[in-house]
Amino acid sequence: MKKDLVRKGLLIAALVLILIGLDKGGFRDVKNKAARICYECIGIG
């Protein structure tokens, strides 16, 4: 019972933080950093 409550609380907290990150443009930042790292790995950037 208590374990389920903790799991649900963590799930709700994670979803709220994901939505806040999306609202602030976090997805764009992560995508740009990932692309930059990828370019550096293959020697373009």
N, C-alpha and C. Protein backbone atom coordinates (compact mmCIF):
# COMPACT_ATOMS: atom_id res chain seq x y z
N MET A 1 0.83 -1.20 0.00
CA MET A 1 0.00 0.00 0.00
C MET A 1 0.87 1.26 0.00
N LYS A 2 1.80 1.35 0.96
CA LYS A 2 2.66 2.52 1.04
C LYS A 2 3.59 2.60 -0.17
N LYS A 3 4.03 1.42 -0.64
CA LYS A 3 4.91 1.36 -1.80
C LYS A 3 4.21 1.91 -3.04
N ASP A 4 2.94 1.57 -3.20
CA ASP A 4 2.17 2.06 -4.35
C ASP A 4 2.00 3.57 -4.29
N LEU A 5 1.80 4.10 -3.11
CA LEU A 5 1.64 5.54 -2.94
C LEU A 5 2.93 6.27 -3.31
N VAL A 6 4.06 5.72 -2.90
CA VAL A 6 5.36 6.33 -3.24
C VAL A 6 5.58 6.27 -4.75
N ARG A 7 5.27 5.14 -5.36
CA ARG A 7 5.44 5.02 -6.81
C ARG A 7 4.58 6.02 -7.57
N LYS A 8 3.33 6.15 -7.15
CA LYS A 8 2.43 7.10 -7.82
C LYS A 8 2.91 8.54 -7.62
N GLY A 9 3.41 8.84 -6.43
CA GLY A 9 3.93 10.18 -6.16
C GLY A 9 5.13 10.49 -7.03
N LEU A 10 6.04 9.53 -7.16
CA LEU A 10 7.22 9.73 -8.01
C LEU A 10 6.84 9.88 -9.47
N LEU A 11 5.86 9.10 -9.91
CA LEU A 11 5.40 9.20 -11.29
C LEU A 11 4.80 10.57 -11.58
N ILE A 12 3.98 11.05 -10.67
CA ILE A 12 3.37 12.38 -10.84
C ILE A 12 4.44 13.47 -10.83
N ALA A 13 5.40 13.36 -9.91
CA ALA A 13 6.49 14.34 -9.84
C ALA A 13 7.29 14.33 -11.14
N ALA A 14 7.60 13.14 -11.67
CA ALA A 14 8.36 13.04 -12.91
C ALA A 14 7.59 13.68 -14.07
N LEU A 15 6.30 13.40 -14.15
CA LEU A 15 5.50 13.97 -15.24
C LEU A 15 5.44 15.50 -15.14
N VAL A 16 5.30 16.01 -13.93
CA VAL A 16 5.26 17.46 -13.75
C VAL A 16 6.58 18.09 -14.18
N LEU A 17 7.70 17.48 -13.77
CA LEU A 17 9.00 18.03 -14.14
C LEU A 17 9.26 17.93 -15.64
N ILE A 18 8.79 16.86 -16.28
CA ILE A 18 8.93 16.74 -17.73
C ILE A 18 8.14 17.84 -18.43
N LEU A 19 6.93 18.08 -17.97
CA LEU A 19 6.10 19.13 -18.58
C LEU A 19 6.72 20.52 -18.38
N ILE A 20 7.28 20.76 -17.22
CA ILE A 20 7.95 22.06 -16.97
C ILE A 20 9.13 22.21 -17.92
N GLY A 21 9.91 21.14 -18.08
CA GLY A 21 11.06 21.18 -18.98
C GLY A 21 10.65 21.43 -20.42
N LEU A 22 9.58 20.78 -20.85
CA LEU A 22 9.10 21.00 -22.22
C LEU A 22 8.61 22.43 -22.40
N ASP A 23 7.95 22.97 -21.39
CA ASP A 23 7.45 24.33 -21.46
C ASP A 23 8.58 25.35 -21.56
N LYS A 24 9.70 25.06 -20.93
CA LYS A 24 10.83 26.00 -20.94
C LYS A 24 11.79 25.76 -22.09
N GLY A 25 11.46 24.84 -23.01
CA GLY A 25 12.30 24.61 -24.18
C GLY A 25 13.45 23.65 -23.91
N GLY A 26 13.35 22.85 -22.90
CA GLY A 26 14.42 21.92 -22.57
C GLY A 26 14.67 20.89 -23.65
N PHE A 27 13.62 20.49 -24.35
CA PHE A 27 13.78 19.50 -25.42
C PHE A 27 14.72 20.03 -26.50
N ARG A 28 14.56 21.28 -26.85
CA ARG A 28 15.40 21.89 -27.89
C ARG A 28 16.87 21.90 -27.45
N ASP A 29 17.11 22.24 -26.19
CA ASP A 29 18.49 22.26 -25.68
C ASP A 29 19.12 20.88 -25.71
N VAL A 30 18.38 19.89 -25.27
CA VAL A 30 18.90 18.52 -25.25
C VAL A 30 19.17 18.04 -26.67
N LYS A 31 18.27 18.34 -27.59
CA LYS A 31 18.45 17.92 -28.98
C LYS A 31 19.68 18.57 -29.59
N ASN A 32 19.88 19.86 -29.33
CA ASN A 32 21.05 20.56 -29.87
C ASN A 32 22.34 20.00 -29.30
N LYS A 33 22.37 19.73 -28.00
CA LYS A 33 23.58 19.16 -27.39
C LYS A 33 23.86 17.78 -27.94
N ALA A 34 22.83 16.97 -28.11
CA ALA A 34 23.01 15.62 -28.65
C ALA A 34 23.55 15.68 -30.07
N ALA A 35 23.04 16.57 -30.87
CA ALA A 35 23.52 16.70 -32.25
C ALA A 35 24.97 17.16 -32.27
N ARG A 36 25.32 18.08 -31.39
CA ARG A 36 26.69 18.59 -31.31
C ARG A 36 27.66 17.47 -30.93
N ILE A 37 27.27 16.67 -29.95
CA ILE A 37 28.12 15.56 -29.52
C ILE A 37 28.28 14.56 -30.67
N CYS A 38 27.20 14.30 -31.37
CA CYS A 38 27.23 13.35 -32.48
C CYS A 38 28.17 13.85 -33.58
N TYR A 39 28.09 15.14 -33.88
CA TYR A 39 28.96 15.70 -34.92
C TYR A 39 30.42 15.61 -34.49
N GLU A 40 30.70 15.83 -33.21
CA GLU A 40 32.07 15.75 -32.74
C GLU A 40 32.59 14.32 -32.84
N CYS A 41 31.72 13.33 -32.59
CA CYS A 41 32.14 11.93 -32.65
C CYS A 41 32.56 11.52 -34.05
N ILE A 42 31.89 12.06 -35.06
CA ILE A 42 32.22 11.65 -36.43
C ILE A 42 33.20 12.63 -37.07
N GLY A 43 33.63 13.63 -36.32
CA GLY A 43 34.68 14.52 -36.81
C GLY A 43 34.23 15.69 -37.64
N ILE A 44 32.96 16.03 -37.62
CA ILE A 44 32.48 17.18 -38.41
C ILE A 44 32.58 18.46 -37.58
N GLY A 45 32.18 18.39 -36.32
CA GLY A 45 32.08 19.59 -35.49
C GLY A 45 33.29 19.84 -34.77
